[in-house]
C-alpha cells in the first residue's frame, strides 16, 4: 500500500529541509564564483579569517596551559599560545604582510 505524501509528516519535513539545503548550495556556488572572479578580495578575506583563528586558538591554548600549570609542558604551552596570539595579531593588522604560499 502506497503512503500518501501529505499524510506522512516525515516526508514533508525532508522536502522542506531539501529546499533549504538546495538554497544553501546555490548561495555557496555563487560565493565560490565571486571568489574566483575577485581573487584579491578572497585572499584578503581568508587571511583575516586565518588571523582570527590564530588569535582565538592562541587564547584557548593559553587558557589550557594555565589550567595545566602542574604539568611538564606548561611553559611549552604558554610559548606556543603566545606565538599563536602574536601571529594572529600580525595577520589581522597587516594581512598583506603575511606570507603566501
Protein backbone atom coordinates (compact mmCIF):
# COMPACT_ATOMS: atom_id res chain seq x y z
CA UNK A 1 0.00 0.00 0.00
CA UNK A 2 1.46 3.34 -1.03
CA UNK A 3 1.76 6.07 1.57
CA UNK A 4 0.30 9.40 0.59
CA UNK A 5 2.89 12.18 0.70
CA UNK A 6 0.56 14.56 2.51
CA UNK A 7 -0.15 12.02 5.27
CA UNK A 8 3.49 11.38 6.12
CA UNK A 9 4.93 14.31 8.15
CA UNK A 10 8.48 12.94 7.81
CA UNK A 11 8.32 13.25 4.02
CA UNK A 12 7.07 16.82 4.29
CA UNK A 13 9.89 17.70 6.69
CA UNK A 14 12.51 16.14 4.41
CA UNK A 15 11.11 18.03 1.45
CA UNK A 16 11.28 21.32 3.36
CA UNK A 17 14.86 20.60 4.53
CA UNK A 18 15.94 19.75 0.98
CA UNK A 19 14.71 23.12 -0.24
CA UNK A 20 16.84 24.86 2.38
CA UNK A 21 19.81 22.68 1.51
CA UNK A 22 19.40 23.45 -2.20
CA UNK A 23 19.23 27.20 -1.44
CA UNK A 24 22.41 26.93 0.64
CA UNK A 25 24.09 25.09 -2.24
CA UNK A 26 23.17 27.86 -4.69
CA UNK A 27 24.49 30.52 -2.29
CA UNK A 28 27.77 28.63 -1.85
CA UNK A 29 28.21 28.20 -5.60
CA UNK A 30 27.63 31.93 -6.13
CA UNK A 31 30.11 32.76 -3.34
CA UNK A 32 32.66 30.47 -4.99
CA UNK A 33 32.21 32.19 -8.33
CA UNK A 34 32.63 35.59 -6.68
CA UNK A 35 35.81 34.26 -5.03
CA UNK A 36 37.14 33.11 -8.39
CA UNK A 37 36.44 36.46 -10.00
CA UNK A 38 37.70 38.65 -7.15
CA UNK A 39 40.75 36.65 -6.05
CA UNK A 40 42.36 39.60 -4.25
CA UNK A 41 39.33 40.15 -2.03
CA UNK A 42 39.01 36.40 -1.41
CA UNK A 43 42.68 36.19 -0.40
CA UNK A 44 42.40 39.17 1.93
CA UNK A 45 39.24 37.74 3.49
CA UNK A 46 40.84 34.34 4.03
CA UNK A 47 43.94 35.92 5.58
CA UNK A 48 41.82 37.92 8.04
CA UNK A 49 39.85 34.77 8.90
CA UNK A 50 43.11 32.87 9.40
CA UNK A 51 44.37 35.64 11.68
CA UNK A 52 41.27 35.45 13.84
CA UNK A 53 41.58 31.67 14.01
CA UNK A 54 45.20 32.02 15.15
CA UNK A 55 44.21 34.61 17.75
CA UNK A 56 41.32 32.59 19.15
CA UNK A 57 43.38 29.39 19.11
CA UNK A 58 46.16 31.16 20.98
CA UNK A 59 43.80 32.42 23.67
CA UNK A 60 42.27 28.97 24.08
CA UNK A 61 45.76 27.42 24.20
CA UNK A 62 46.82 29.93 26.85
CA UNK A 63 43.76 29.13 28.95
CA UNK A 64 44.52 25.44 28.58
CA UNK A 65 48.15 25.99 29.61
CA UNK A 66 47.05 27.94 32.69
CA UNK A 67 44.69 25.13 33.67
CA UNK A 68 47.54 22.61 33.28
CA UNK A 69 50.03 24.55 35.44
CA UNK A 70 51.36 21.47 37.21
CA UNK A 71 52.35 19.58 34.06
CA UNK A 72 55.80 19.32 32.49
CA UNK A 73 54.66 21.11 29.34
CA UNK A 74 53.26 24.28 30.94
CA UNK A 75 55.89 26.62 29.53
CA UNK A 76 55.79 24.99 26.13
CA UNK A 77 52.03 25.56 26.05
CA UNK A 78 52.47 29.19 27.09
CA UNK A 79 55.13 29.82 24.41
CA UNK A 80 53.08 28.18 21.64
CA UNK A 81 49.97 30.11 22.70
CA UNK A 82 51.91 33.38 22.79
CA UNK A 83 53.28 32.72 19.29
CA UNK A 84 49.77 31.98 18.01
CA UNK A 85 48.44 35.18 19.57
CA UNK A 86 51.30 37.25 18.16
CA UNK A 87 50.92 35.75 14.69
CA UNK A 88 47.17 36.27 14.80
CA UNK A 89 47.55 39.93 15.72
CA UNK A 90 50.12 40.48 12.94
CA UNK A 91 47.93 38.79 10.32
CA UNK A 92 44.84 40.73 11.40
CA UNK A 93 46.62 44.11 11.50
CA UNK A 94 48.72 43.61 8.34
CA UNK A 95 47.18 40.80 6.23
CA UNK A 96 49.12 41.91 3.16
CA UNK A 97 52.42 41.27 5.01
CA UNK A 98 51.58 37.65 5.83
CA UNK A 99 53.49 35.12 3.73
CA UNK A 100 51.65 33.49 0.85
CA UNK A 101 52.34 30.03 -0.48
